[in-house]
């Protein structure tokens, strides 16, 4: 066991943590002698909150087991160890004409982490969440047994693990179904809109016409420009030759932690204006690399450091379609009026496809993402207000993006949480679960391990 810095992307609780390798963690679990609430898998730390932390226990670094084991070109099913990165899956599958059906905003997430957080992307309206494309996985539990989980076999563990934030055990390997693509390149179209009402008029049509669709909003714009932004849509280009692999340019590093927030209000105002003008010049479709379309921030290694020593927080909400027309501008206005500038403000439309996961965040409606430099009590107060407004409107808050969600907000967002608690491995715990679900439950004791279905 080693002691090292395994922090979430938000860098809110930077400290040294006890860590086991994937092999050491698996060996401990197979003995059946892991202590209650002492373990938690750690992927690549891409979550923003504390769902990947267990400060009273030990993390299991899954990245040591990251091999692609097999691929069936007839079915598109890829089988790999849970520590493999989506970047490696893309490099392997793209030359064969395949691509993950769902990717988030970074390709540097592990396969196990993608399942545990049931990630979503720019095409939820067509493909749903990552969990919709999971065929099976093997789950090692603290009773020493490894369970093969599918929608039909050990179905309770299957649904609890997808979106279960690593609390049901250690995923050792998984099979996912990739989608066939014409090209790795994306034919991208950018449409400028002058208001949120204009965006809502465009969104459904964009989703119907395109595989991918997402809006960038100028959160700081006021007056006649309030709610202006860009609707960015794309499809895999047809008639383009497959590349040998996605080109990996060396990312520009942020080599040190600045002593203050570099992404402050004046900078963001200038950036928003420049970005909007640059993007809106190109109304005709143009080709974009997959990295440029899906993962633009991966080109700056450690960009989260630019938020300064306090770290960053992200608030992601999902709102019912009708409520979104009223609540999206209200949430943005609250953040702006309290002096908080969001560097990345993203608005997407979620479709009706349901995830097999118990605690999957996406549901039909619109999802708004805001991120801020953490400034202590005033930031916590803002997040609590944003959460209350979201819950009161019938929406939900993303658990793996939030480090300050109350137990009440969590329970309102995910009323099926007791089912995950019933399937939680008693040796596994996270700081997030301790301060939400267990606080809501009113007890911190563990239960006997129940037999899998």
Protein backbone atom coordinates (compact mmCIF):
# COMPACT_ATOMS: atom_id res chain seq x y z
CA UNK A 1 0.00 0.00 0.00
CA UNK A 2 1.18 3.51 -0.79
CA UNK A 3 0.10 6.97 0.32
CA UNK A 4 -0.31 9.41 -2.54
CA UNK A 5 -2.42 12.24 -3.89
CA UNK A 6 -5.55 10.78 -5.47
CA UNK A 7 -7.81 13.81 -5.79
CA UNK A 8 -11.02 14.46 -7.66
CA UNK A 9 -10.87 16.81 -10.62
CA UNK A 10 -12.41 19.59 -8.54
CA UNK A 11 -9.35 19.58 -6.23
CA UNK A 12 -11.52 20.60 -3.26
CA UNK A 13 -10.08 18.16 -0.74
CA UNK A 14 -6.44 17.80 -1.76
CA UNK A 15 -4.65 15.40 0.57
CA UNK A 16 -2.60 12.22 0.65
CA UNK A 17 -4.69 9.05 0.58
CA UNK A 18 -3.95 5.37 1.20
CA UNK A 19 -4.03 3.45 -2.07
CA UNK A 20 -3.83 -0.17 -3.15
CA UNK A 21 -3.03 -1.29 -6.67
CA UNK A 22 -5.75 -3.09 -8.61
CA UNK A 23 -3.99 -6.40 -7.98
CA UNK A 24 -3.59 -5.73 -4.26
CA UNK A 25 -7.21 -4.70 -3.94
CA UNK A 26 -8.46 -7.80 -5.76
CA UNK A 27 -6.28 -10.04 -3.61
CA UNK A 28 -7.67 -8.47 -0.42
CA UNK A 29 -11.26 -8.87 -1.58
CA UNK A 30 -10.69 -12.53 -2.43
CA UNK A 31 -9.65 -13.24 1.15
CA UNK A 32 -13.08 -12.16 2.38
CA UNK A 33 -11.43 -10.18 5.19
CA UNK A 34 -11.79 -6.56 4.03
CA UNK A 35 -12.90 -4.26 6.85
CA UNK A 36 -16.38 -2.66 6.70
CA UNK A 37 -16.52 0.60 4.74
CA UNK A 38 -12.76 0.55 4.18
CA UNK A 39 -12.48 0.48 0.37
CA UNK A 40 -13.47 2.39 -2.78
CA UNK A 41 -12.39 1.94 -6.42
CA UNK A 42 -10.60 4.91 -8.02
CA UNK A 43 -10.60 5.31 -11.80
CA UNK A 44 -8.88 8.41 -13.18
CA UNK A 45 -10.30 10.98 -10.77
CA UNK A 46 -12.40 12.79 -13.40
CA UNK A 47 -15.34 13.35 -11.06
CA UNK A 48 -15.65 16.86 -9.65
CA UNK A 49 -16.96 16.04 -6.17
CA UNK A 50 -16.14 13.55 -3.42
CA UNK A 51 -17.80 10.43 -4.80
CA UNK A 52 -14.31 9.07 -5.64
CA UNK A 53 -12.92 9.71 -2.13
CA UNK A 54 -12.96 7.54 0.98
CA UNK A 55 -10.82 9.53 3.38
CA UNK A 56 -11.41 7.11 6.23
CA UNK A 57 -10.43 4.12 4.11
CA UNK A 58 -8.32 2.95 1.19
CA UNK A 59 -8.67 3.58 -2.54
CA UNK A 60 -8.14 0.82 -5.11
CA UNK A 61 -6.39 2.23 -8.18
CA UNK A 62 -8.07 0.41 -11.06
CA UNK A 63 -5.71 1.72 -13.75
CA UNK A 64 -3.20 -1.08 -13.30
CA UNK A 65 -5.55 -3.48 -15.08
CA UNK A 66 -6.21 -1.78 -18.42
CA UNK A 67 -5.98 -4.32 -21.23
CA UNK A 68 -8.38 -4.77 -24.14
CA UNK A 69 -9.11 -8.50 -24.10
CA UNK A 70 -11.21 -9.13 -27.22
CA UNK A 71 -13.36 -7.49 -29.87
CA UNK A 72 -16.04 -8.98 -32.10
CA UNK A 73 -16.38 -6.96 -35.31
CA UNK A 74 -19.62 -8.74 -36.18
CA UNK A 75 -21.40 -7.54 -33.04
CA UNK A 76 -19.29 -4.54 -32.04
CA UNK A 77 -18.82 -5.99 -28.55
CA UNK A 78 -15.51 -5.13 -26.90
CA UNK A 79 -14.33 -6.90 -23.74
CA UNK A 80 -11.68 -5.18 -21.62
CA UNK A 81 -10.31 -4.84 -18.12
CA UNK A 82 -12.01 -2.12 -16.11
CA UNK A 83 -8.92 0.10 -15.89
CA UNK A 84 -8.64 0.69 -19.64
CA UNK A 85 -9.10 4.32 -20.71
CA UNK A 86 -11.72 5.39 -23.22
CA UNK A 87 -8.80 6.97 -25.09
CA UNK A 88 -7.31 3.51 -25.62
CA UNK A 89 -10.65 2.05 -26.68
CA UNK A 90 -11.02 4.81 -29.27
CA UNK A 91 -7.47 4.26 -30.56
CA UNK A 92 -8.15 0.54 -30.88
CA UNK A 93 -11.65 0.65 -32.35
CA UNK A 94 -11.59 3.68 -34.68
CA UNK A 95 -9.39 2.05 -37.36
CA UNK A 96 -11.91 -0.80 -37.40
CA UNK A 97 -14.80 1.60 -37.96
CA UNK A 98 -16.17 1.63 -34.40
CA UNK A 99 -16.53 4.21 -31.62
CA UNK A 100 -17.96 4.20 -28.09
CA UNK A 101 -21.69 4.85 -28.31
CA UNK A 102 -21.40 7.42 -25.51
CA UNK A 103 -18.40 9.58 -24.56
CA UNK A 104 -18.17 12.38 -21.96
CA UNK A 105 -16.19 15.61 -22.21
CA UNK A 106 -12.87 13.83 -21.60
CA UNK A 107 -11.52 10.59 -23.01
CA UNK A 108 -9.31 10.07 -19.97
CA UNK A 109 -11.83 8.09 -17.94
CA UNK A 110 -11.64 4.40 -17.19
CA UNK A 111 -14.14 1.85 -18.43
CA UNK A 112 -15.06 1.01 -14.83
CA UNK A 113 -15.51 4.69 -14.02
CA UNK A 114 -17.73 5.20 -17.07
CA UNK A 115 -19.99 2.41 -15.81
CA UNK A 116 -19.91 3.47 -12.16
CA UNK A 117 -20.95 7.01 -13.04
CA UNK A 118 -23.18 6.03 -15.98
CA UNK A 119 -21.69 8.85 -18.02
CA UNK A 120 -23.60 10.70 -20.72
CA UNK A 121 -22.56 12.65 -23.78
CA UNK A 122 -23.78 14.91 -26.55
CA UNK A 123 -26.05 12.21 -28.02
CA UNK A 124 -28.24 11.16 -25.10
CA UNK A 125 -31.28 11.92 -27.27
CA UNK A 126 -30.24 8.99 -29.52
CA UNK A 127 -28.07 6.64 -27.46
CA UNK A 128 -29.00 7.22 -23.83
CA UNK A 129 -26.28 6.75 -21.21
CA UNK A 130 -23.15 4.62 -21.24
CA UNK A 131 -25.00 2.00 -19.22
CA UNK A 132 -27.41 1.42 -22.09
CA UNK A 133 -24.52 -0.16 -24.00
CA UNK A 134 -23.07 -2.34 -21.24
CA UNK A 135 -23.48 -6.00 -22.13
CA UNK A 136 -21.98 -7.50 -18.97
CA UNK A 137 -19.30 -7.05 -16.33
CA UNK A 138 -17.53 -9.06 -13.65
CA UNK A 139 -17.85 -7.70 -10.12
CA UNK A 140 -15.55 -8.75 -7.27
CA UNK A 141 -17.22 -8.43 -3.86
CA UNK A 142 -15.86 -8.60 -0.33
CA UNK A 143 -17.38 -12.05 0.24
CA UNK A 144 -14.53 -13.25 -1.97
CA UNK A 145 -16.75 -14.10 -4.95
CA UNK A 146 -16.71 -12.63 -8.44
CA UNK A 147 -20.20 -12.17 -9.93
CA UNK A 148 -20.87 -12.15 -13.65
CA UNK A 149 -23.57 -9.52 -14.10
CA UNK A 150 -25.93 -9.02 -17.05
CA UNK A 151 -29.49 -7.70 -17.35
CA UNK A 152 -30.65 -11.29 -16.70
CA UNK A 153 -27.91 -12.73 -14.45
CA UNK A 154 -27.35 -11.07 -11.06
CA UNK A 155 -29.69 -8.40 -12.38
CA UNK A 156 -29.91 -6.54 -9.06
CA UNK A 157 -26.15 -6.03 -8.96
CA UNK A 158 -26.15 -5.12 -12.65
CA UNK A 159 -28.58 -2.24 -12.21
CA UNK A 160 -27.09 -1.11 -8.89
CA UNK A 161 -23.53 -1.01 -10.26
CA UNK A 162 -24.41 1.10 -13.32
CA UNK A 163 -24.43 4.58 -11.83
CA UNK A 164 -23.63 3.10 -8.40
CA UNK A 165 -20.44 5.20 -7.99
CA UNK A 166 -18.24 2.21 -7.15
CA UNK A 167 -20.15 1.12 -4.05
CA UNK A 168 -21.20 -2.39 -5.10
CA UNK A 169 -17.71 -3.85 -5.47
CA UNK A 170 -14.72 -3.80 -7.79
CA UNK A 171 -15.47 -4.12 -11.52
CA UNK A 172 -12.66 -6.25 -12.91
CA UNK A 173 -13.70 -6.43 -16.57
CA UNK A 174 -16.63 -5.44 -18.76
CA UNK A 175 -18.13 -5.95 -22.21
CA UNK A 176 -19.65 -2.98 -24.02
CA UNK A 177 -21.24 -2.64 -27.44
CA UNK A 178 -19.56 -0.05 -29.67
CA UNK A 179 -21.33 1.66 -32.54
CA UNK A 180 -20.34 1.52 -36.19
CA UNK A 181 -19.16 4.85 -37.60
CA UNK A 182 -18.40 6.10 -41.08
CA UNK A 183 -15.44 8.18 -39.94
CA UNK A 184 -13.71 9.37 -36.82
CA UNK A 185 -14.02 12.95 -38.10
CA UNK A 186 -17.13 15.00 -37.30
CA UNK A 187 -19.08 17.18 -39.70
CA UNK A 188 -19.89 20.07 -37.38
CA UNK A 189 -22.49 22.83 -37.71
CA UNK A 190 -22.62 25.88 -35.45
CA UNK A 191 -25.81 27.94 -35.17
CA UNK A 192 -25.81 31.17 -33.19
CA UNK A 193 -28.93 32.03 -31.18
CA UNK A 194 -29.81 35.30 -29.48
CA UNK A 195 -31.83 34.04 -26.52
CA UNK A 196 -32.73 30.90 -24.59
CA UNK A 197 -36.20 30.97 -26.13
CA UNK A 198 -34.53 30.75 -29.53
CA UNK A 199 -32.43 27.81 -28.32
CA UNK A 200 -35.47 25.91 -27.06
CA UNK A 201 -37.10 26.38 -30.47
CA UNK A 202 -34.01 24.89 -32.17
CA UNK A 203 -33.16 22.06 -29.76
CA UNK A 204 -35.66 19.36 -30.73
CA UNK A 205 -35.03 19.81 -34.44
CA UNK A 206 -31.28 19.67 -33.91
CA UNK A 207 -31.60 16.45 -31.95
CA UNK A 208 -33.74 14.89 -34.65
CA UNK A 209 -31.28 15.79 -37.41
CA UNK A 210 -27.98 15.11 -35.66
CA UNK A 211 -26.18 12.40 -33.72
CA UNK A 212 -24.63 15.02 -31.43
CA UNK A 213 -26.02 18.30 -30.17
CA UNK A 214 -24.98 20.65 -27.36
CA UNK A 215 -25.32 24.36 -26.63
CA UNK A 216 -22.73 26.72 -25.21
CA UNK A 217 -24.21 29.70 -23.33
CA UNK A 218 -22.69 33.08 -22.56
CA UNK A 219 -23.67 33.08 -18.88
CA UNK A 220 -22.48 36.62 -18.24
CA UNK A 221 -24.45 38.29 -21.04
CA UNK A 222 -27.19 40.66 -19.86
CA UNK A 223 -29.79 42.92 -21.42
CA UNK A 224 -30.59 42.19 -25.05
CA UNK A 225 -27.82 39.57 -25.14
CA UNK A 226 -29.04 37.53 -22.15
CA UNK A 227 -29.19 33.84 -22.99
CA UNK A 228 -27.24 34.12 -26.22
CA UNK A 229 -25.09 31.23 -27.29
CA UNK A 230 -24.12 28.66 -29.88
CA UNK A 231 -25.82 25.39 -30.79
CA UNK A 232 -23.10 22.97 -31.86
CA UNK A 233 -24.26 19.87 -33.73
CA UNK A 234 -22.38 17.10 -35.46
CA UNK A 235 -22.39 13.77 -37.24
CA UNK A 236 -19.65 11.34 -38.13
CA UNK A 237 -18.51 12.37 -41.60
CA UNK A 238 -19.41 10.07 -44.46
CA UNK A 239 -17.07 9.11 -47.25
CA UNK A 240 -13.95 9.87 -45.23
CA UNK A 241 -11.21 7.26 -44.92
CA UNK A 242 -10.63 5.80 -41.47
CA UNK A 243 -7.53 7.07 -39.74
CA UNK A 244 -5.03 4.62 -38.33
CA UNK A 245 -5.81 6.08 -34.91
CA UNK A 246 -6.87 9.33 -33.33
CA UNK A 247 -3.84 11.60 -33.34
CA UNK A 248 -2.66 12.34 -29.82
CA UNK A 249 -1.06 15.75 -29.72
CA UNK A 250 0.93 16.44 -26.59
CA UNK A 251 -1.34 18.53 -24.36
CA UNK A 252 -0.30 22.02 -23.32
CA UNK A 253 0.48 21.76 -19.59
CA UNK A 254 -0.51 24.03 -16.73
CA UNK A 255 2.74 23.34 -14.84
CA UNK A 256 1.87 24.84 -11.46
CA UNK A 257 -1.01 25.96 -9.29
CA UNK A 258 -1.60 29.72 -9.73
CA UNK A 259 -2.03 31.60 -6.44
CA UNK A 260 -5.40 32.99 -7.58
CA UNK A 261 -8.30 32.17 -9.91
CA UNK A 262 -7.16 32.84 -13.47
CA UNK A 263 -10.64 32.14 -14.90
CA UNK A 264 -12.14 35.21 -13.27
CA UNK A 265 -15.06 37.36 -14.36
CA UNK A 266 -13.13 39.79 -16.62
CA UNK A 267 -11.30 36.92 -18.34
CA UNK A 268 -14.50 34.94 -18.88
CA UNK A 269 -16.31 37.96 -20.29
CA UNK A 270 -13.54 38.48 -22.85
CA UNK A 271 -13.31 34.76 -23.62
CA UNK A 272 -17.07 34.44 -24.14
CA UNK A 273 -17.13 37.31 -26.59
CA UNK A 274 -14.15 36.01 -28.54
CA UNK A 275 -15.41 32.42 -28.57
CA UNK A 276 -18.90 33.40 -29.72
CA UNK A 277 -17.61 35.61 -32.53
CA UNK A 278 -15.04 33.06 -33.70
CA UNK A 279 -17.49 30.16 -33.78
CA UNK A 280 -20.41 32.07 -35.30
CA UNK A 281 -18.32 33.07 -38.35
CA UNK A 282 -18.64 29.52 -39.67
CA UNK A 283 -22.32 28.77 -40.25
CA UNK A 284 -21.62 26.21 -43.01
CA UNK A 285 -20.74 22.64 -41.97
CA UNK A 286 -17.04 22.03 -41.44
CA UNK A 287 -14.95 19.02 -40.55
CA UNK A 288 -13.65 18.71 -37.02
CA UNK A 289 -11.36 16.15 -35.47
CA UNK A 290 -12.93 13.89 -32.89
CA UNK A 291 -10.67 15.34 -30.20
CA UNK A 292 -11.62 18.88 -31.15
CA UNK A 293 -15.33 18.09 -31.13
CA UNK A 294 -15.62 15.80 -28.10
CA UNK A 295 -12.60 16.57 -25.92
CA UNK A 296 -11.34 20.13 -26.50
CA UNK A 297 -10.20 20.60 -22.89
CA UNK A 298 -8.04 17.47 -23.00
CA UNK A 299 -5.60 19.57 -25.01
CA UNK A 300 -4.73 21.52 -21.83
CA UNK A 301 -3.34 19.17 -19.18
CA UNK A 302 -4.27 20.28 -15.68
CA UNK A 303 -6.61 23.07 -16.81
CA UNK A 304 -8.50 22.68 -13.54
CA UNK A 305 -5.51 24.33 -11.83
CA UNK A 306 -6.47 27.61 -13.49
CA UNK A 307 -9.29 27.96 -10.96
CA UNK A 308 -6.71 28.65 -8.28
CA UNK A 309 -5.91 27.04 -4.95
CA UNK A 310 -9.56 26.84 -3.86
CA UNK A 311 -10.41 24.39 -6.65
CA UNK A 312 -13.58 24.33 -8.70
CA UNK A 313 -17.14 23.18 -8.23
CA UNK A 314 -19.65 22.21 -10.85
CA UNK A 315 -23.42 22.32 -10.60
CA UNK A 316 -25.24 20.12 -13.08
CA UNK A 317 -29.00 19.94 -12.99
CA UNK A 318 -31.61 18.19 -15.09
CA UNK A 319 -35.04 19.79 -15.37
CA UNK A 320 -38.32 18.63 -16.89
CA UNK A 321 -38.85 20.09 -20.35
CA UNK A 322 -41.55 22.61 -19.42
CA UNK A 323 -39.84 23.72 -16.22
CA UNK A 324 -36.56 24.21 -18.08
CA UNK A 325 -37.88 27.17 -20.07
CA UNK A 326 -38.41 29.03 -16.79
CA UNK A 327 -35.68 27.59 -14.60
CA UNK A 328 -32.60 27.59 -16.86
CA UNK A 329 -32.53 31.41 -17.12
CA UNK A 330 -33.33 31.68 -13.39
CA UNK A 331 -30.41 29.45 -12.40
CA UNK A 332 -28.01 31.32 -14.68
CA UNK A 333 -29.24 34.67 -13.40
CA UNK A 334 -28.81 33.66 -9.75
CA UNK A 335 -25.20 32.65 -10.38
CA UNK A 336 -24.47 35.86 -12.25
CA UNK A 337 -26.22 38.15 -9.74
CA UNK A 338 -24.27 36.63 -6.84
CA UNK A 339 -21.00 37.45 -8.59
CA UNK A 340 -20.19 33.96 -9.85
CA UNK A 341 -18.91 33.62 -13.40
CA UNK A 342 -19.20 30.20 -15.03
CA UNK A 343 -16.33 29.50 -17.42
CA UNK A 344 -18.18 26.63 -19.07
CA UNK A 345 -21.96 26.90 -19.31
CA UNK A 346 -23.45 24.01 -21.24
CA UNK A 347 -27.07 23.19 -22.05
CA UNK A 348 -28.20 19.88 -23.54
CA UNK A 349 -31.45 18.08 -24.18
CA UNK A 350 -31.82 14.61 -22.67
CA UNK A 351 -34.00 12.12 -24.52
CA UNK A 352 -36.51 9.56 -23.27
CA UNK A 353 -34.22 6.51 -23.32
CA UNK A 354 -34.02 5.09 -19.81
CA UNK A 355 -30.82 3.77 -18.30
CA UNK A 356 -30.67 0.32 -16.69
CA UNK A 357 -28.90 1.96 -13.73
CA UNK A 358 -30.66 2.59 -10.43
CA UNK A 359 -29.05 5.96 -9.80
CA UNK A 360 -28.56 7.22 -13.32
CA UNK A 361 -28.62 11.03 -13.41
CA UNK A 362 -29.96 11.70 -16.96
CA UNK A 363 -33.72 11.75 -17.45
CA UNK A 364 -35.91 13.37 -20.08
CA UNK A 365 -35.58 17.13 -20.10
CA UNK A 366 -32.76 19.67 -20.24
CA UNK A 367 -29.48 19.59 -18.37
CA UNK A 368 -27.60 22.76 -17.45
CA UNK A 369 -23.96 22.72 -16.34
CA UNK A 370 -22.30 25.62 -14.52
CA UNK A 371 -18.83 25.65 -13.00
CA UNK A 372 -17.25 28.10 -10.62
CA UNK A 373 -14.07 28.76 -8.69
CA UNK A 374 -14.65 27.69 -5.10
CA UNK A 375 -14.75 30.69 -2.76
CA UNK A 376 -15.79 29.11 0.49
CA UNK A 377 -19.09 29.77 2.26
CA UNK A 378 -20.54 32.00 -0.47
CA UNK A 379 -20.03 29.25 -3.06
CA UNK A 380 -21.61 26.65 -0.79
CA UNK A 381 -24.59 28.97 -0.29
CA UNK A 382 -24.95 29.41 -4.05
CA UNK A 383 -24.86 25.65 -4.64
CA UNK A 384 -27.50 25.09 -1.99
CA UNK A 385 -29.75 27.69 -3.59
CA UNK A 386 -29.25 26.18 -7.05
CA UNK A 387 -30.03 22.73 -5.66
CA UNK A 388 -33.21 23.90 -3.93
CA UNK A 389 -34.45 25.62 -7.07
CA UNK A 390 -33.75 22.50 -9.11
CA UNK A 391 -35.50 20.14 -6.68
CA UNK A 392 -38.50 22.46 -6.26
CA UNK A 393 -38.93 22.47 -10.05
CA UNK A 394 -39.05 18.66 -10.16
CA UNK A 395 -35.47 18.23 -11.32
CA UNK A 396 -32.37 16.46 -10.01
CA UNK A 397 -28.74 17.28 -9.23
CA UNK A 398 -25.81 15.25 -10.55
CA UNK A 399 -24.15 13.47 -7.57
CA UNK A 400 -20.70 12.96 -9.07
CA UNK A 401 -20.42 16.64 -10.01
CA UNK A 402 -21.29 18.05 -6.58
CA UNK A 403 -19.23 18.04 -3.38
CA UNK A 404 -21.79 19.86 -1.21
CA UNK A 405 -25.15 18.25 -1.96
CA UNK A 406 -27.33 17.82 1.13
CA UNK A 407 -28.83 14.50 2.12
CA UNK A 408 -32.29 15.92 1.42
CA UNK A 409 -31.37 17.07 -2.10
CA UNK A 410 -29.82 13.69 -2.85
CA UNK A 411 -32.87 11.76 -1.64
CA UNK A 412 -35.20 14.00 -3.64
CA UNK A 413 -33.06 13.58 -6.77
CA UNK A 414 -32.71 9.80 -6.39
CA UNK A 415 -35.65 8.29 -4.47
CA UNK A 416 -34.43 4.77 -5.30
CA UNK A 417 -31.22 5.23 -3.31
CA UNK A 418 -32.29 2.63 -0.66
CA UNK A 419 -32.08 -0.04 -3.38
CA UNK A 420 -28.45 0.83 -3.97
CA UNK A 421 -27.80 0.81 -0.24
CA UNK A 422 -29.28 -2.70 -0.11
CA UNK A 423 -26.82 -3.80 -2.81
CA UNK A 424 -23.82 -1.84 -1.51
CA UNK A 425 -20.88 -4.04 -0.63
CA UNK A 426 -20.37 -3.55 3.13
CA UNK A 427 -16.62 -3.13 2.62
CA UNK A 428 -17.14 -0.18 0.25
CA UNK A 429 -17.87 3.44 1.17
CA UNK A 430 -17.32 6.94 -0.19
CA UNK A 431 -17.28 10.36 1.42
CA UNK A 432 -20.27 11.27 -0.75
CA UNK A 433 -22.37 8.30 0.37
CA UNK A 434 -21.51 8.86 4.03
CA UNK A 435 -22.67 12.49 3.98
CA UNK A 436 -25.82 11.92 1.90
CA UNK A 437 -27.39 8.46 1.90
CA UNK A 438 -26.15 7.32 5.30
CA UNK A 439 -27.03 10.63 6.86
CA UNK A 440 -30.49 10.38 5.33
CA UNK A 441 -30.80 6.86 6.61
CA UNK A 442 -29.76 8.00 10.06
CA UNK A 443 -27.27 5.18 10.65
CA UNK A 444 -23.68 4.45 9.67
CA UNK A 445 -23.60 0.74 10.47
CA UNK A 446 -23.02 -1.84 7.78
CA UNK A 447 -25.28 -4.76 6.97
CA UNK A 448 -24.58 -8.43 6.37
CA UNK A 449 -23.66 -9.08 2.77
CA UNK A 450 -26.78 -10.24 0.97
CA UNK A 451 -26.59 -12.99 -1.59
CA UNK A 452 -26.55 -11.82 -5.18
CA UNK A 453 -29.51 -12.77 -7.30
